[in-house]
Amino acid sequence: MIKKLLVTLLVTVDTEDKEICPTGDPLIENVVLNVLDDGFFTDPVEEICTSHISDYIEHSKRTEKRIEDLYHD
């Protein structure tokens, strides 16, 4: 049986690390997103929402909306 899981991570990003975050924008480049972009996972994994921790309330609303959209697709 296939199940979908929502995993929430808190990622600390050194925006001065040119290997992990060359643009300096942790919302675009961080260790988690880089692994997703590189196709490391063999099973389907998708980014639902990425935000600064200070934007948690707005982030959770967008995540809820995205999950609702996934259930109705």
PDB file of N, CA and C in Angstrom:
ATOM      1  N   MET A   1       0.835  -1.168   0.000  1.00  0.00           N
ATOM      2  CA  MET A   1       0.000   0.000   0.000  1.00  0.00           C
ATOM      3  C   MET A   1       0.891   1.247   0.000  1.00  0.00           C
ATOM      4  N   ILE A   2       0.552   2.196  -0.833  1.00  0.00           N
ATOM      5  CA  ILE A   2       1.313   3.438  -0.928  1.00  0.00           C
ATOM      6  C   ILE A   2       0.627   4.505  -0.090  1.00  0.00           C
ATOM      7  N   LYS A   3       1.396   5.174   0.736  1.00  0.00           N
ATOM      8  CA  LYS A   3       0.893   6.259   1.590  1.00  0.00           C
ATOM      9  C   LYS A   3       1.704   7.516   1.311  1.00  0.00           C
ATOM     10  N   LYS A   4       1.054   8.674   1.416  1.00  0.00           N
ATOM     11  CA  LYS A   4       1.766   9.950   1.312  1.00  0.00           C
ATOM     12  C   LYS A   4       2.016  10.465   2.717  1.00  0.00           C
ATOM     13  N   LEU A   5       3.203  10.991   2.960  1.00  0.00           N
ATOM     14  CA  LEU A   5       3.593  11.537   4.248  1.00  0.00           C
ATOM     15  C   LEU A   5       4.001  12.987   4.086  1.00  0.00           C
ATOM     16  N   LEU A   6       3.700  13.773   5.080  1.00  0.00           N
ATOM     17  CA  LEU A   6       4.175  15.150   5.124  1.00  0.00           C
ATOM     18  C   LEU A   6       5.240  15.210   6.199  1.00  0.00           C
ATOM     19  N   VAL A   7       6.460  15.571   5.819  1.00  0.00           N
ATOM     20  CA  VAL A   7       7.586  15.657   6.744  1.00  0.00           C
ATOM     21  C   VAL A   7       7.967  17.123   6.870  1.00  0.00           C
ATOM     22  N   THR A   8       7.989  17.610   8.093  1.00  0.00           N
ATOM     23  CA  THR A   8       8.361  19.003   8.333  1.00  0.00           C
ATOM     24  C   THR A   8       9.783  19.032   8.874  1.00  0.00           C
ATOM     25  N   LEU A   9      10.630  19.840   8.266  1.00  0.00           N
ATOM     26  CA  LEU A   9      12.032  19.945   8.670  1.00  0.00           C
ATOM     27  C   LEU A   9      12.372  21.394   8.992  1.00  0.00           C
ATOM     28  N   LEU A  10      13.254  21.593   9.937  1.00  0.00           N
ATOM     29  CA  LEU A  10      13.833  22.907  10.195  1.00  0.00           C
ATOM     30  C   LEU A  10      15.289  22.821   9.752  1.00  0.00           C
ATOM     31  N   VAL A  11      15.644  23.555   8.726  1.00  0.00           N
ATOM     32  CA  VAL A  11      16.979  23.477   8.130  1.00  0.00           C
ATOM     33  C   VAL A  11      17.746  24.752   8.444  1.00  0.00           C
ATOM     34  N   THR A  12      18.934  24.601   8.997  1.00  0.00           N
ATOM     35  CA  THR A  12      19.820  25.737   9.245  1.00  0.00           C
ATOM     36  C   THR A  12      20.752  25.857   8.048  1.00  0.00           C
ATOM     37  N   VAL A  13      20.804  27.046   7.452  1.00  0.00           N
ATOM     38  CA  VAL A  13      21.580  27.243   6.230  1.00  0.00           C
ATOM     39  C   VAL A  13      22.613  28.351   6.443  1.00  0.00           C
ATOM     40  N   ASP A  14      23.861  28.041   6.134  1.00  0.00           N
ATOM     41  CA  ASP A  14      24.923  29.050   6.126  1.00  0.00           C
ATOM     42  C   ASP A  14      24.878  29.711   4.751  1.00  0.00           C
ATOM     43  N   THR A  15      24.312  30.898   4.682  1.00  0.00           N
ATOM     44  CA  THR A  15      24.142  31.584   3.398  1.00  0.00           C
ATOM     45  C   THR A  15      25.467  32.048   2.794  1.00  0.00           C
ATOM     46  N   GLU A  16      26.559  31.918   3.551  1.00  0.00           N
ATOM     47  CA  GLU A  16      27.876  32.273   3.011  1.00  0.00           C
ATOM     48  C   GLU A  16      28.619  31.053   2.476  1.00  0.00           C
ATOM     49  N   ASP A  17      28.031  29.863   2.626  1.00  0.00           N
ATOM     50  CA  ASP A  17      28.624  28.631   2.102  1.00  0.00           C
ATOM     51  C   ASP A  17      28.314  28.559   0.610  1.00  0.00           C
ATOM     52  N   LYS A  18      29.304  28.816  -0.206  1.00  0.00           N
ATOM     53  CA  LYS A  18      29.103  28.897  -1.662  1.00  0.00           C
ATOM     54  C   LYS A  18      28.823  27.541  -2.309  1.00  0.00           C
ATOM     55  N   GLU A  19      29.096  26.450  -1.612  1.00  0.00           N
ATOM     56  CA  GLU A  19      28.783  25.129  -2.160  1.00  0.00           C
ATOM     57  C   GLU A  19      27.313  24.780  -1.928  1.00  0.00           C
ATOM     58  N   ILE A  20      26.811  25.045  -0.736  1.00  0.00           N
ATOM     59  CA  ILE A  20      25.432  24.711  -0.382  1.00  0.00           C
ATOM     60  C   ILE A  20      24.453  25.785  -0.855  1.00  0.00           C
ATOM     61  N   CYS A  21      24.855  27.040  -0.729  1.00  0.00           N
ATOM     62  CA  CYS A  21      23.936  28.146  -1.017  1.00  0.00           C
ATOM     63  C   CYS A  21      24.642  29.231  -1.841  1.00  0.00           C
ATOM     64  N   PRO A  22      25.002  28.919  -3.091  1.00  0.00           N
ATOM     65  CA  PRO A  22      25.774  29.856  -3.903  1.00  0.00           C
ATOM     66  C   PRO A  22      25.105  31.213  -4.121  1.00  0.00           C
ATOM     67  N   THR A  23      23.779  31.248  -4.187  1.00  0.00           N
ATOM     68  CA  THR A  23      23.088  32.521  -4.418  1.00  0.00           C
ATOM     69  C   THR A  23      22.918  33.320  -3.132  1.00  0.00           C
ATOM     70  N   GLY A  24      23.093  32.660  -1.983  1.00  0.00           N
ATOM     71  CA  GLY A  24      22.866  33.325  -0.706  1.00  0.00           C
ATOM     72  C   GLY A  24      21.399  33.349  -0.307  1.00  0.00           C
ATOM     73  N   ASP A  25      20.531  32.725  -1.103  1.00  0.00           N
ATOM     74  CA  ASP A  25      19.102  32.686  -0.802  1.00  0.00           C
ATOM     75  C   ASP A  25      18.731  31.292  -0.293  1.00  0.00           C
ATOM     76  N   PRO A  26      18.543  31.126   1.029  1.00  0.00           N
ATOM     77  CA  PRO A  26      18.269  29.812   1.588  1.00  0.00           C
ATOM     78  C   PRO A  26      16.895  29.252   1.217  1.00  0.00           C
ATOM     79  N   LEU A  27      16.013  30.086   0.690  1.00  0.00           N
ATOM     80  CA  LEU A  27      14.708  29.589   0.261  1.00  0.00           C
ATOM     81  C   LEU A  27      14.788  28.879  -1.085  1.00  0.00           C
ATOM     82  N   ILE A  28      15.867  29.142  -1.816  1.00  0.00           N
ATOM     83  CA  ILE A  28      16.066  28.517  -3.128  1.00  0.00           C
ATOM     84  C   ILE A  28      17.097  27.388  -3.054  1.00  0.00           C
ATOM     85  N   GLU A  29      18.131  27.592  -2.243  1.00  0.00           N
ATOM     86  CA  GLU A  29      19.216  26.620  -2.154  1.00  0.00           C
ATOM     87  C   GLU A  29      19.521  26.310  -0.692  1.00  0.00           C
ATOM     88  N   ASN A  30      19.347  25.049  -0.334  1.00  0.00           N
ATOM     89  CA  ASN A  30      19.744  24.546   0.971  1.00  0.00           C
ATOM     90  C   ASN A  30      19.960  23.044   0.819  1.00  0.00           C
ATOM     91  N   VAL A  31      20.452  22.388   1.851  1.00  0.00           N
ATOM     92  CA  VAL A  31      20.809  20.977   1.695  1.00  0.00           C
ATOM     93  C   VAL A  31      19.615  20.115   1.294  1.00  0.00           C
ATOM     94  N   VAL A  32      18.436  20.428   1.770  1.00  0.00           N
ATOM     95  CA  VAL A  32      17.258  19.629   1.441  1.00  0.00           C
ATOM     96  C   VAL A  32      16.824  19.860   0.001  1.00  0.00           C
ATOM     97  N   LEU A  33      16.653  21.118  -0.386  1.00  0.00           N
ATOM     98  CA  LEU A  33      16.228  21.419  -1.758  1.00  0.00           C
ATOM     99  C   LEU A  33      17.267  20.974  -2.775  1.00  0.00           C
ATOM    100  N   ASN A  34      18.541  21.099  -2.426  1.00  0.00           N
ATOM    101  CA  ASN A  34      19.596  20.669  -3.343  1.00  0.00           C
ATOM    102  C   ASN A  34      19.499  19.170  -3.616  1.00  0.00           C
ATOM    103  N   VAL A  35      19.217  18.373  -2.585  1.00  0.00           N
ATOM    104  CA  VAL A  35      19.078  16.922  -2.761  1.00  0.00           C
ATOM    105  C   VAL A  35      17.855  16.617  -3.621  1.00  0.00           C
ATOM    106  N   LEU A  36      16.763  17.336  -3.410  1.00  0.00           N
ATOM    107  CA  LEU A  36      15.574  17.139  -4.247  1.00  0.00           C
ATOM    108  C   LEU A  36      15.877  17.481  -5.702  1.00  0.00           C
ATOM    109  N   ASP A  37      16.534  18.611  -5.915  1.00  0.00           N
ATOM    110  CA  ASP A  37      16.859  19.040  -7.277  1.00  0.00           C
ATOM    111  C   ASP A  37      17.806  18.078  -7.978  1.00  0.00           C
ATOM    112  N   ASP A  38      18.702  17.447  -7.205  1.00  0.00           N
ATOM    113  CA  ASP A  38      19.673  16.514  -7.787  1.00  0.00           C
ATOM    114  C   ASP A  38      19.058  15.160  -8.141  1.00  0.00           C
ATOM    115  N   GLY A  39      17.796  14.955  -7.753  1.00  0.00           N
ATOM    116  CA  GLY A  39      17.143  13.681  -8.054  1.00  0.00           C
ATOM    117  C   GLY A  39      17.662  12.519  -7.228  1.00  0.00           C
ATOM    118  N   PHE A  40      18.119  12.803  -6.016  1.00  0.00           N
ATOM    119  CA  PHE A  40      18.701  11.777  -5.152  1.00  0.00           C
ATOM    120  C   PHE A  40      17.694  10.692  -4.783  1.00  0.00           C
ATOM    121  N   PHE A  41      16.454  11.069  -4.532  1.00  0.00           N
ATOM    122  CA  PHE A  41      15.441  10.113  -4.094  1.00  0.00           C
ATOM    123  C   PHE A  41      14.870   9.357  -5.291  1.00  0.00           C
ATOM    124  N   THR A  42      14.714   8.049  -5.129  1.00  0.00           N
ATOM    125  CA  THR A  42      14.153   7.249  -6.219  1.00  0.00           C
ATOM    126  C   THR A  42      12.629   7.275  -6.201  1.00  0.00           C
ATOM    127  N   ASP A  43      12.031   7.502  -5.043  1.00  0.00           N
ATOM    128  CA  ASP A  43      10.577   7.634  -4.940  1.00  0.00           C
ATOM    129  C   ASP A  43      10.198   9.100  -5.131  1.00  0.00           C
ATOM    130  N   PRO A  44       8.983   9.355  -5.586  1.00  0.00           N
ATOM    131  CA  PRO A  44       8.564  10.745  -5.794  1.00  0.00           C
ATOM    132  C   PRO A  44       8.559  11.550  -4.490  1.00  0.00           C
ATOM    133  N   VAL A  45       9.294  12.642  -4.497  1.00  0.00           N
ATOM    134  CA  VAL A  45       9.340  13.587  -3.382  1.00  0.00           C
ATOM    135  C   VAL A  45       9.176  14.966  -3.985  1.00  0.00           C
ATOM    136  N   GLU A  46       8.275  15.764  -3.419  1.00  0.00           N
ATOM    137  CA  GLU A  46       8.100  17.107  -3.950  1.00  0.00           C
ATOM    138  C   GLU A  46       8.123  18.134  -2.839  1.00  0.00           C
ATOM    139  N   GLU A  47       8.602  19.297  -3.172  1.00  0.00           N
ATOM    140  CA  GLU A  47       8.597  20.417  -2.240  1.00  0.00           C
ATOM    141  C   GLU A  47       7.187  21.011  -2.235  1.00  0.00           C
ATOM    142  N   ILE A  48       6.619  21.168  -1.060  1.00  0.00           N
ATOM    143  CA  ILE A  48       5.298  21.774  -0.948  1.00  0.00           C
ATOM    144  C   ILE A  48       5.431  23.258  -0.655  1.00  0.00           C
ATOM    145  N   CYS A  49       6.266  23.603   0.292  1.00  0.00           N
ATOM    146  CA  CYS A  49       6.394  25.011   0.670  1.00  0.00           C
ATOM    147  C   CYS A  49       7.694  25.199   1.428  1.00  0.00           C
ATOM    148  N   THR A  50       8.414  26.255   1.139  1.00  0.00           N
ATOM    149  CA  THR A  50       9.641  26.602   1.845  1.00  0.00           C
ATOM    150  C   THR A  50       9.535  28.057   2.272  1.00  0.00           C
ATOM    151  N   SER A  51       9.830  28.336   3.552  1.00  0.00           N
ATOM    152  CA  SER A  51       9.734  29.711   4.051  1.00  0.00           C
ATOM    153  C   SER A  51      10.683  29.900   5.222  1.00  0.00           C
ATOM    154  N   HIS A  52      10.897  31.157   5.566  1.00  0.00           N
ATOM    155  CA  HIS A  52      11.669  31.485   6.769  1.00  0.00           C
ATOM    156  C   HIS A  52      10.845  31.111   7.990  1.00  0.00           C
ATOM    157  N   ILE A  53      11.511  30.708   9.069  1.00  0.00           N
ATOM    158  CA  ILE A  53      10.791  30.320  10.273  1.00  0.00           C
ATOM    159  C   ILE A  53       9.944  31.480  10.817  1.00  0.00           C
ATOM    160  N   SER A  54      10.377  32.698  10.576  1.00  0.00           N
ATOM    161  CA  SER A  54       9.601  33.858  11.050  1.00  0.00           C
ATOM    162  C   SER A  54       8.268  33.984  10.326  1.00  0.00           C
ATOM    163  N   ASP A  55       8.132  33.298   9.185  1.00  0.00           N
ATOM    164  CA  ASP A  55       6.887  33.322   8.408  1.00  0.00           C
ATOM    165  C   ASP A  55       6.063  32.054   8.646  1.00  0.00           C
ATOM    166  N   TYR A  56       6.193  31.441   9.822  1.00  0.00           N
ATOM    167  CA  TYR A  56       5.572  30.145  10.078  1.00  0.00           C
ATOM    168  C   TYR A  56       4.062  30.147   9.886  1.00  0.00           C
ATOM    169  N   ILE A  57       3.376  31.174  10.362  1.00  0.00           N
ATOM    170  CA  ILE A  57       1.915  31.210  10.262  1.00  0.00           C
ATOM    171  C   ILE A  57       1.488  31.202   8.798  1.00  0.00           C
ATOM    172  N   GLU A  58       2.072  32.071   7.998  1.00  0.00           N
ATOM    173  CA  GLU A  58       1.738  32.124   6.570  1.00  0.00           C
ATOM    174  C   GLU A  58       2.148  30.816   5.883  1.00  0.00           C
ATOM    175  N   HIS A  59       3.282  30.297   6.271  1.00  0.00           N
ATOM    176  CA  HIS A  59       3.764  29.025   5.725  1.00  0.00           C
ATOM    177  C   HIS A  59       2.750  27.908   5.991  1.00  0.00           C
ATOM    178  N   SER A  60       2.259  27.830   7.211  1.00  0.00           N
ATOM    179  CA  SER A  60       1.324  26.756   7.548  1.00  0.00           C
ATOM    180  C   SER A  60       0.013  26.895   6.778  1.00  0.00           C
ATOM    181  N   LYS A  61      -0.419  28.120   6.528  1.00  0.00           N
ATOM    182  CA  LYS A  61      -1.635  28.335   5.728  1.00  0.00           C
ATOM    183  C   LYS A  61      -1.418  27.881   4.290  1.00  0.00           C
ATOM    184  N   ARG A  62      -0.263  28.222   3.705  1.00  0.00           N
ATOM    185  CA  ARG A  62       0.035  27.809   2.328  1.00  0.00           C
ATOM    186  C   ARG A  62       0.170  26.292   2.237  1.00  0.00           C
ATOM    187  N   THR A  63       0.779  25.692   3.273  1.00  0.00           N
ATOM    188  CA  THR A  63       0.922  24.240   3.292  1.00  0.00           C
ATOM    189  C   THR A  63      -0.443  23.573   3.361  1.00  0.00           C
ATOM    190  N   GLU A  64      -1.314  24.088   4.209  1.00  0.00           N
ATOM    191  CA  GLU A  64      -2.662  23.533   4.315  1.00  0.00           C
ATOM    192  C   GLU A  64      -3.392  23.610   2.978  1.00  0.00           C
ATOM    193  N   LYS A  65      -3.274  24.743   2.305  1.00  0.00           N
ATOM    194  CA  LYS A  65      -3.915  24.922   0.993  1.00  0.00           C
ATOM    195  C   LYS A  65      -3.339  23.935  -0.014  1.00  0.00           C
ATOM    196  N   ARG A  66      -2.036  23.767  -0.021  1.00  0.00           N
ATOM    197  CA  ARG A  66      -1.374  22.860  -0.966  1.00  0.00           C
ATOM    198  C   ARG A  66      -1.822  21.417  -0.726  1.00  0.00           C
ATOM    199  N   ILE A  67      -1.942  21.029   0.547  1.00  0.00           N
ATOM    200  CA  ILE A  67      -2.374  19.673   0.865  1.00  0.00           C
ATOM    201  C   ILE A  67      -3.821  19.471   0.428  1.00  0.00           C
ATOM    202  N   GLU A  68      -4.663  20.466   0.644  1.00  0.00           N
ATOM    203  CA  GLU A  68      -6.043  20.371   0.180  1.00  0.00           C
ATOM    204  C   GLU A  68      -6.081  20.197  -1.333  1.00  0.00           C
ATOM    205  N   ASP A  69      -5.245  20.941  -2.047  1.00  0.00           N
ATOM    206  CA  ASP A  69      -5.180  20.829  -3.500  1.00  0.00           C
ATOM    207  C   ASP A  69      -4.736  19.418  -3.923  1.00  0.00           C
ATOM    208  N   LEU A  70      -3.790  18.855  -3.192  1.00  0.00           N
ATOM    209  CA  LEU A  70      -3.303  17.504  -3.522  1.00  0.00           C
ATOM    210  C   LEU A  70      -4.410  16.469  -3.348  1.00  0.00           C
ATOM    211  N   TYR A  71      -5.228  16.620  -2.336  1.00  0.00           N
ATOM    212  CA  TYR A  71      -6.315  15.673  -2.102  1.00  0.00           C
ATOM    213  C   TYR A  71      -7.404  15.773  -3.155  1.00  0.00           C
ATOM    214  N   HIS A  72      -7.528  16.930  -3.784  1.00  0.00           N
ATOM    215  CA  HIS A  72      -8.576  17.124  -4.763  1.00  0.00           C
ATOM    216  C   HIS A  72      -8.097  16.933  -6.202  1.00  0.00           C
ATOM    217  N   ASP A  73      -6.790  16.668  -6.385  1.00  0.00           N
ATOM    218  CA  ASP A  73      -6.249  16.433  -7.741  1.00  0.00           C
ATOM    219  C   ASP A  73      -6.669  15.088  -8.275  1.00  0.00           C
TER     220      ASP A  73
END
